[in-house]
Amino acid sequence: MAPSDPSTACCSLCSRRSWCVVGRWSDRYGRRPLLVICLGVSALSYLVLGSSASIWVVIGSRIVTGIFKHSTTLCKSVLADVTPPEDRPKVMGKFNGAMGIAIILSPAIGGHLAHLDNGFAIVCSVSSVIFLGNCVVCLGLLPNELPLHARRPDGDPSKKDITTTPRNEWLSLLYEVEWKVFGDIFVVDFFLTFAAYAYRASFVLIIDQMFAVSPSTIGYIISFQGAIGAVAGFLAGRLSRFQGSSQMVLFNSALVQAVSLLGLTFAPSILLIVMLLVPLSVSATLIHTATSTLIIDRCVPSKIGSVTGVAQGIPAIAGMTTPVLAGLAQEAGVRGPGVLASVAAFVGAAAAGWAAHYRHTTRKTGT
C-alpha cells in the first residue's frame, strides 16, 4: 500500500535509491563493515526519531533510516557467501521464515508498548536497542576480512580498481547487470509481487464488505496467514527438494498463487477464504525463497551483493505502481483489485513457465 505519511515516503524513496549501491559496496569492501555501519546508523536514527518533537527532525531521521536500513539485503549476501548452492533453498527458506515470525510478533509487541506513557518513544528506543544488539552480533560473529572474491593477490583491498564515482555508481550498476541472465527472474518477481500487493491492498475491504466480520477476526486471519508463511519458510528446503530445481519451484508456486488469488477473489464464504490463505501463504514464501536462490546461483561471486541489491528494487517498483492501479480497479467494484491481482499472477506464472522451459531446453542443447 502507499505510504501513509511524508516521513515514510522519504524513507521508502531513499531506501530504493541506495539498495543497489550498498550491495555493491559490500562486494567491494566486505559484508561486515557495511552491516555494522547500517545497523549502527539505523539504531541512532530510531533513537533520534523517538526523542524528537520536530517534524523536520522526524523526516530527516526517516531519510537517514531509508539510506542505511539494508540489513536484509546484506544478510542474504552473507548467507550466499557461506552456504553451498545445494543448501541455499533450505537456508533462504529459514531466513524468510524467521522474518515471518518477526512480522507476526512485532505489531503485537509494538501495539502494547505504544499504549504506555510516551509509547512512541519507547517503541523507537526498543527498535534502537535491537539494532545495536544486531550490530554487536555482527562484530562478534562475522569474519573481519573481505569475501574471497573481493581480495587482490597483493592482499591490499584498497588497490581494488574502482571505475565509478559515487555520483554515477547507481546508474553504472544498473548498466552492468546482466539483464539476459536475470531478466526473467526480475519480470516474474515484479508480476508476482504486484499481484500480492494488489490483493493485500483490498483484502480487508473485501472480507469486511462481503462477510461483515469484526476487526478482531480480520486481525486473527492476517496473523494466521503470517504464521502459515513462517512455517512454510522453515520447510522450504524440503518442499524445494521435492519439486526439483528452484526454477520449477518458482513456476509451481506462481501457478498456486494465481489460482489461490482467483479463488479468494470470488470465495463465497469466510471459511473458504481462510482455507485458500494456506496455499497462498505457502506459495508466497516459496516464491521469495526460489527467486533469492535463483538470483544468487546465477551470480558470479563478485557481484552477489550488487545483484541482490538490484533485485530488492523490483518489489519496490511493484509497490509504487500497485496503489494507483489497484485504486482504479477498485472503482470497478469490490472484487476489482482481486481480479487485477489474479491476472498479474497468471502473467507471472506464464513467464515463470516460459523461463523454466527455456532454461531446460538450453541445458539440453548445451547453448
Protein backbone atom coordinates (compact mmCIF):
# COMPACT_ATOMS: atom_id res chain seq x y z
CA MET A 1 0.00 0.00 0.00
CA ALA A 2 1.09 3.58 -0.44
CA PRO A 3 2.99 5.26 2.34
CA SER A 4 0.69 6.88 4.86
CA ASP A 5 2.85 9.89 5.78
CA PRO A 6 5.62 12.06 4.30
CA SER A 7 8.34 10.65 6.56
CA THR A 8 7.55 7.10 5.45
CA ALA A 9 7.57 8.20 1.82
CA CYS A 10 11.01 9.78 2.27
CA CYS A 11 12.33 6.63 3.94
CA SER A 12 10.95 4.43 1.17
CA LEU A 13 12.30 6.61 -1.65
CA CYS A 14 15.80 6.86 -0.18
CA SER A 15 15.85 3.13 0.52
CA ARG A 16 15.04 2.32 -3.11
CA ARG A 17 17.83 4.57 -4.36
CA SER A 18 20.51 3.14 -2.06
CA TRP A 19 19.80 -0.62 -2.21
CA CYS A 20 21.99 -1.15 -5.28
CA VAL A 21 24.92 0.95 -4.06
CA VAL A 22 25.05 -0.65 -0.60
CA GLY A 23 25.07 -4.12 -2.13
CA ARG A 24 27.87 -3.14 -4.48
CA TRP A 25 29.93 -1.63 -1.68
CA SER A 26 29.54 -4.86 0.30
CA ASP A 27 31.07 -6.73 -2.66
CA ARG A 28 33.95 -4.27 -2.73
CA TYR A 29 34.68 -3.67 0.96
CA GLY A 30 33.15 -6.67 2.71
CA ARG A 31 29.81 -7.52 4.33
CA ARG A 32 30.80 -6.90 7.96
CA PRO A 33 31.77 -3.20 7.70
CA LEU A 34 28.63 -2.34 5.74
CA LEU A 35 26.37 -4.29 8.11
CA VAL A 36 27.90 -2.67 11.18
CA ILE A 37 27.59 0.82 9.68
CA CYS A 38 24.00 0.28 8.52
CA LEU A 39 22.87 -1.22 11.83
CA GLY A 40 24.65 1.42 13.92
CA VAL A 41 23.31 4.38 11.94
CA SER A 42 19.79 2.87 11.94
CA ALA A 43 19.96 2.49 15.73
CA LEU A 44 20.96 6.13 16.13
CA SER A 45 18.26 7.24 13.68
CA TYR A 46 15.49 5.47 15.63
CA LEU A 47 16.78 6.93 18.89
CA VAL A 48 16.60 10.44 17.41
CA LEU A 49 13.16 9.72 15.96
CA GLY A 50 11.75 8.72 19.35
CA SER A 51 13.11 11.75 21.17
CA SER A 52 12.19 14.39 18.59
CA ALA A 53 9.29 16.83 18.70
CA SER A 54 10.09 18.49 15.35
CA ILE A 55 8.57 17.26 12.10
CA TRP A 56 11.75 18.19 10.24
CA VAL A 57 13.89 16.08 12.56
CA VAL A 58 11.42 13.22 12.10
CA ILE A 59 11.64 13.49 8.31
CA GLY A 60 15.43 13.78 8.48
CA SER A 61 15.75 10.70 10.67
CA ARG A 62 13.49 8.74 8.31
CA ILE A 63 15.64 9.76 5.34
CA VAL A 64 18.73 8.52 7.16
CA THR A 65 16.93 5.28 8.00
CA GLY A 66 15.94 4.82 4.38
CA ILE A 67 19.54 5.24 3.24
CA PHE A 68 21.08 2.84 5.75
CA LYS A 69 18.46 0.21 6.65
CA HIS A 70 19.66 -2.59 4.37
CA SER A 71 20.25 -5.44 6.79
CA THR A 72 18.01 -7.82 4.83
CA THR A 73 19.93 -7.37 1.58
CA LEU A 74 23.30 -7.67 3.30
CA CYS A 75 22.25 -10.73 5.33
CA LYS A 76 21.21 -12.51 2.13
CA SER A 77 24.62 -11.73 0.68
CA VAL A 78 26.33 -13.12 3.79
CA LEU A 79 24.26 -16.31 3.59
CA ALA A 80 25.14 -16.65 -0.10
CA ASP A 81 28.85 -16.34 0.76
CA VAL A 82 28.84 -19.10 3.38
CA THR A 83 26.21 -21.52 2.03
CA PRO A 84 26.83 -24.22 -0.60
CA PRO A 85 24.48 -23.97 -3.60
CA GLU A 86 22.64 -27.18 -2.74
CA ASP A 87 21.75 -25.85 0.73
CA ARG A 88 20.62 -22.38 -0.32
CA PRO A 89 16.87 -23.13 -0.70
CA LYS A 90 16.79 -24.50 2.86
CA VAL A 91 18.83 -21.64 4.33
CA MET A 92 16.95 -18.90 2.46
CA GLY A 93 13.66 -20.51 3.45
CA LYS A 94 14.60 -20.45 7.13
CA PHE A 95 15.72 -16.85 6.75
CA ASN A 96 12.31 -15.93 5.28
CA GLY A 97 10.61 -17.94 8.00
CA ALA A 98 12.46 -16.02 10.71
CA MET A 99 11.41 -12.77 9.06
CA GLY A 100 7.82 -14.03 9.00
CA ILE A 101 7.90 -14.69 12.75
CA ALA A 102 9.22 -11.17 13.32
CA ILE A 103 6.44 -9.71 11.18
CA ILE A 104 3.86 -11.59 13.27
CA LEU A 105 5.29 -10.61 16.66
CA SER A 106 6.42 -7.04 16.09
CA PRO A 107 2.98 -5.43 15.53
CA ALA A 108 1.60 -7.06 18.66
CA ILE A 109 4.59 -6.04 20.80
CA GLY A 110 4.70 -2.56 19.31
CA GLY A 111 0.97 -2.11 19.82
CA HIS A 112 1.22 -2.94 23.52
CA LEU A 113 4.22 -0.65 24.03
CA ALA A 114 2.52 2.18 22.16
CA HIS A 115 -0.30 2.26 24.74
CA LEU A 116 2.17 3.12 27.53
CA ASP A 117 3.06 6.66 28.51
CA ASN A 118 5.47 8.03 25.89
CA GLY A 119 4.70 4.87 23.95
CA PHE A 120 6.15 6.06 20.65
CA ALA A 121 9.46 6.98 22.28
CA ILE A 122 9.55 3.57 23.97
CA VAL A 123 8.91 1.75 20.68
CA CYS A 124 11.69 3.73 18.97
CA SER A 125 14.06 3.05 21.86
CA VAL A 126 13.37 -0.68 21.76
CA SER A 127 13.97 -0.66 17.99
CA SER A 128 17.25 1.16 18.55
CA VAL A 129 18.37 -1.39 21.14
CA ILE A 130 17.54 -4.25 18.75
CA PHE A 131 19.62 -2.65 16.00
CA LEU A 132 22.53 -2.15 18.43
CA GLY A 133 22.25 -5.77 19.57
CA ASN A 134 22.45 -6.95 15.98
CA CYS A 135 25.43 -4.68 15.47
CA VAL A 136 27.23 -6.34 18.39
CA VAL A 137 26.39 -9.77 16.98
CA CYS A 138 27.90 -8.79 13.62
CA LEU A 139 31.07 -7.55 15.31
CA GLY A 140 31.39 -10.78 17.26
CA LEU A 141 30.40 -13.42 14.70
CA LEU A 142 31.09 -12.19 11.18
CA PRO A 143 34.64 -12.51 9.81
CA ASN A 144 36.66 -9.33 9.60
CA GLU A 145 38.18 -9.99 6.16
CA LEU A 146 36.77 -9.33 2.73
CA PRO A 147 34.96 -12.08 0.82
CA LEU A 148 37.39 -14.20 -1.19
CA HIS A 149 36.24 -12.73 -4.49
CA ALA A 150 37.00 -9.18 -3.29
CA ARG A 151 40.63 -9.78 -2.33
CA ARG A 152 43.55 -8.88 -4.58
CA PRO A 153 46.60 -11.15 -4.91
CA ASP A 154 48.73 -8.47 -3.28
CA GLY A 155 46.44 -8.54 -0.23
CA ASP A 156 45.62 -4.86 -0.40
CA PRO A 157 41.88 -4.35 -0.99
CA SER A 158 42.38 -0.61 -1.12
CA LYS A 159 44.06 -1.04 -4.50
CA LYS A 160 40.98 -2.66 -5.95
CA ASP A 161 40.05 -1.00 -9.23
CA ILE A 162 37.22 1.49 -8.88
CA THR A 163 35.89 2.68 -12.19
CA THR A 164 32.89 4.68 -10.98
CA THR A 165 32.34 7.66 -8.74
CA PRO A 166 29.54 7.88 -6.13
CA ARG A 167 27.62 10.22 -8.42
CA ASN A 168 27.23 7.74 -11.27
CA GLU A 169 27.62 4.48 -9.37
CA TRP A 170 23.89 3.75 -9.19
CA LEU A 171 23.36 4.11 -12.95
CA SER A 172 26.60 2.30 -13.70
CA LEU A 173 25.48 -0.68 -11.63
CA LEU A 174 22.16 -0.92 -13.48
CA TYR A 175 24.09 -0.85 -16.75
CA GLU A 176 26.48 -3.60 -15.62
CA VAL A 177 23.75 -6.01 -14.51
CA GLU A 178 23.48 -8.89 -16.99
CA TRP A 179 19.81 -8.49 -17.82
CA LYS A 180 19.83 -11.53 -20.12
CA VAL A 181 20.82 -13.64 -17.14
CA PHE A 182 18.49 -12.15 -14.56
CA GLY A 183 15.75 -10.53 -16.64
CA ASP A 184 13.32 -13.46 -16.48
CA ILE A 185 13.55 -13.60 -12.66
CA PHE A 186 13.04 -9.86 -12.38
CA VAL A 187 9.95 -9.98 -14.64
CA VAL A 188 8.41 -12.88 -12.74
CA ASP A 189 9.20 -11.26 -9.40
CA PHE A 190 7.60 -7.99 -10.49
CA PHE A 191 4.29 -9.53 -11.58
CA LEU A 192 4.00 -11.88 -8.61
CA THR A 193 4.85 -9.11 -6.14
CA PHE A 194 2.41 -6.77 -7.86
CA ALA A 195 -0.28 -9.46 -7.57
CA ALA A 196 0.37 -9.94 -3.86
CA TYR A 197 0.35 -6.20 -3.15
CA ALA A 198 -2.80 -5.61 -5.23
CA TYR A 199 -4.78 -8.24 -3.35
CA ARG A 200 -3.38 -7.19 0.02
CA ALA A 201 -4.49 -3.61 -0.66
CA SER A 202 -8.14 -4.72 -0.82
CA PHE A 203 -8.13 -7.81 1.37
CA VAL A 204 -9.57 -6.16 4.47
CA LEU A 205 -12.17 -4.28 2.43
CA ILE A 206 -13.32 -7.44 0.64
CA ILE A 207 -13.88 -9.55 3.74
CA ASP A 208 -15.41 -6.60 5.59
CA GLN A 209 -17.94 -5.74 2.88
CA MET A 210 -18.67 -9.28 1.72
CA PHE A 211 -18.87 -11.02 5.10
CA ALA A 212 -19.14 -8.21 7.71
CA VAL A 213 -16.54 -9.73 10.04
CA SER A 214 -15.23 -7.88 13.09
CA PRO A 215 -11.83 -6.12 13.16
CA SER A 216 -10.53 -8.68 15.67
CA THR A 217 -11.46 -11.52 13.32
CA ILE A 218 -9.64 -9.76 10.49
CA GLY A 219 -6.59 -9.47 12.75
CA TYR A 220 -6.69 -13.19 13.55
CA ILE A 221 -6.97 -14.04 9.85
CA ILE A 222 -3.95 -11.89 8.98
CA SER A 223 -1.96 -13.41 11.84
CA PHE A 224 -2.94 -16.89 10.67
CA GLN A 225 -1.69 -16.08 7.18
CA GLY A 226 1.63 -14.85 8.57
CA ALA A 227 2.03 -17.95 10.74
CA ILE A 228 1.48 -20.26 7.77
CA GLY A 229 4.08 -18.32 5.77
CA ALA A 230 6.60 -18.56 8.61
CA VAL A 231 6.13 -22.33 8.96
CA ALA A 232 6.46 -22.72 5.19
CA GLY A 233 9.76 -20.86 5.34
CA PHE A 234 11.28 -23.43 7.68
CA LEU A 235 10.02 -26.24 5.42
CA ALA A 236 11.11 -24.55 2.18
CA GLY A 237 14.19 -26.74 1.81
CA ARG A 238 12.19 -29.97 1.86
CA LEU A 239 9.49 -28.59 -0.42
CA SER A 240 12.12 -27.39 -2.88
CA ARG A 241 13.87 -30.77 -2.99
CA PHE A 242 10.52 -32.45 -3.62
CA GLN A 243 9.83 -30.25 -6.65
CA GLY A 244 13.34 -30.38 -8.10
CA SER A 245 15.06 -27.24 -9.32
CA SER A 246 14.38 -23.76 -7.97
CA GLN A 247 13.13 -22.81 -11.43
CA MET A 248 10.33 -25.39 -11.16
CA VAL A 249 9.62 -24.32 -7.58
CA LEU A 250 9.11 -20.78 -8.85
CA PHE A 251 6.78 -21.88 -11.65
CA ASN A 252 4.67 -24.22 -9.49
CA SER A 253 4.43 -21.67 -6.67
CA ALA A 254 3.45 -18.90 -9.10
CA LEU A 255 0.68 -21.10 -10.50
CA VAL A 256 -0.58 -21.90 -7.00
CA GLN A 257 -0.53 -18.20 -6.13
CA ALA A 258 -2.55 -17.29 -9.23
CA VAL A 259 -5.21 -19.95 -8.61
CA SER A 260 -5.40 -19.04 -4.91
CA LEU A 261 -5.86 -15.34 -5.66
CA LEU A 262 -8.62 -16.09 -8.14
CA GLY A 263 -10.37 -18.31 -5.61
CA LEU A 264 -10.02 -15.73 -2.85
CA THR A 265 -11.49 -13.03 -5.08
CA PHE A 266 -14.71 -14.97 -5.68
CA ALA A 267 -14.87 -17.05 -2.48
CA PRO A 268 -18.48 -17.33 -1.25
CA SER A 269 -17.64 -17.86 2.44
CA ILE A 270 -15.15 -16.73 5.04
CA LEU A 271 -14.22 -20.38 5.68
CA LEU A 272 -13.13 -20.84 2.09
CA ILE A 273 -11.07 -17.65 2.30
CA VAL A 274 -9.23 -18.98 5.35
CA MET A 275 -8.63 -22.30 3.58
CA LEU A 276 -7.27 -20.60 0.45
CA LEU A 277 -4.92 -18.45 2.51
CA VAL A 278 -2.93 -21.61 3.28
CA PRO A 279 -1.74 -22.30 -0.31
CA LEU A 280 -1.38 -18.55 -0.90
CA SER A 281 0.93 -18.11 2.11
CA VAL A 282 2.97 -21.22 1.31
CA SER A 283 3.39 -20.22 -2.33
CA ALA A 284 4.42 -16.67 -1.38
CA THR A 285 7.16 -17.99 0.89
CA LEU A 286 8.41 -20.43 -1.74
CA ILE A 287 8.41 -17.66 -4.37
CA HIS A 288 10.63 -15.47 -2.17
CA THR A 289 12.94 -18.40 -1.48
CA ALA A 290 13.14 -19.51 -5.13
CA THR A 291 13.79 -16.03 -6.52
CA SER A 292 16.55 -15.37 -3.96
CA THR A 293 18.14 -18.76 -4.68
CA LEU A 294 17.98 -18.36 -8.46
CA ILE A 295 19.47 -14.87 -8.37
CA ILE A 296 22.35 -15.95 -6.15
CA ASP A 297 23.00 -19.15 -8.11
CA ARG A 298 23.29 -17.19 -11.37
CA CYS A 299 25.60 -14.57 -9.87
CA VAL A 300 29.33 -14.59 -10.14
CA PRO A 301 30.65 -14.32 -6.57
CA SER A 302 32.00 -10.81 -7.11
CA LYS A 303 28.51 -9.41 -7.83
CA ILE A 304 26.27 -11.17 -5.29
CA GLY A 305 25.75 -8.04 -3.20
CA SER A 306 25.24 -5.81 -6.22
CA VAL A 307 22.68 -8.00 -7.97
CA THR A 308 20.87 -8.77 -4.71
CA GLY A 309 20.56 -5.03 -4.15
CA VAL A 310 19.14 -4.50 -7.64
CA ALA A 311 16.70 -7.38 -7.07
CA GLN A 312 15.41 -5.65 -3.92
CA GLY A 313 14.31 -2.77 -6.12
CA ILE A 314 11.87 -4.93 -8.12
CA PRO A 315 9.31 -5.28 -5.27
CA ALA A 316 9.77 -1.56 -4.60
CA ILE A 317 8.75 -0.73 -8.17
CA ALA A 318 5.74 -3.03 -7.81
CA GLY A 319 4.87 -1.30 -4.56
CA MET A 320 4.93 2.11 -6.24
CA THR A 321 2.65 1.07 -9.11
CA THR A 322 0.18 -1.05 -7.13
CA PRO A 323 -1.76 1.68 -5.25
CA VAL A 324 -2.66 3.59 -8.41
CA LEU A 325 -3.74 0.58 -10.48
CA ALA A 326 -5.46 -1.14 -7.55
CA GLY A 327 -7.35 2.08 -6.82
CA LEU A 328 -8.56 2.28 -10.41
CA ALA A 329 -9.62 -1.38 -10.26
CA GLN A 330 -11.47 -0.65 -7.01
CA GLU A 331 -13.66 1.81 -8.93
CA ALA A 332 -15.00 -1.11 -10.98
CA GLY A 333 -16.13 -2.99 -7.87
CA VAL A 334 -15.01 -4.51 -4.61
CA ARG A 335 -13.53 -7.51 -6.45
CA GLY A 336 -11.65 -5.34 -8.94
CA PRO A 337 -8.24 -5.44 -7.20
CA GLY A 338 -8.60 -9.20 -6.73
CA VAL A 339 -9.21 -9.69 -10.45
CA LEU A 340 -6.25 -7.43 -11.24
CA ALA A 341 -4.08 -9.42 -8.82
CA SER A 342 -5.18 -12.72 -10.38
CA VAL A 343 -4.37 -11.52 -13.90
CA ALA A 344 -0.94 -10.29 -12.80
CA ALA A 345 -0.25 -13.60 -11.03
CA PHE A 346 -1.19 -15.63 -14.11
CA VAL A 347 1.10 -13.44 -16.22
CA GLY A 348 3.89 -14.06 -13.71
CA ALA A 349 3.18 -17.80 -13.74
CA ALA A 350 3.26 -17.84 -17.55
CA ALA A 351 6.59 -16.01 -17.51
CA ALA A 352 7.96 -18.45 -14.93
CA GLY A 353 6.76 -21.40 -17.03
CA TRP A 354 8.39 -20.00 -20.15
CA ALA A 355 11.64 -19.38 -18.26
CA ALA A 356 11.64 -22.92 -16.86
CA HIS A 357 11.06 -24.38 -20.33
CA TYR A 358 13.68 -22.12 -21.92
CA ARG A 359 16.31 -22.93 -19.30
CA HIS A 360 15.59 -26.66 -19.59
CA THR A 361 15.82 -26.55 -23.39
CA THR A 362 19.04 -24.53 -23.23
CA ARG A 363 20.66 -27.05 -20.89
CA LYS A 364 19.64 -29.97 -23.13
CA THR A 365 21.03 -28.35 -26.29
CA GLY A 366 24.09 -27.02 -24.49
CA THR A 367 23.61 -23.45 -25.77
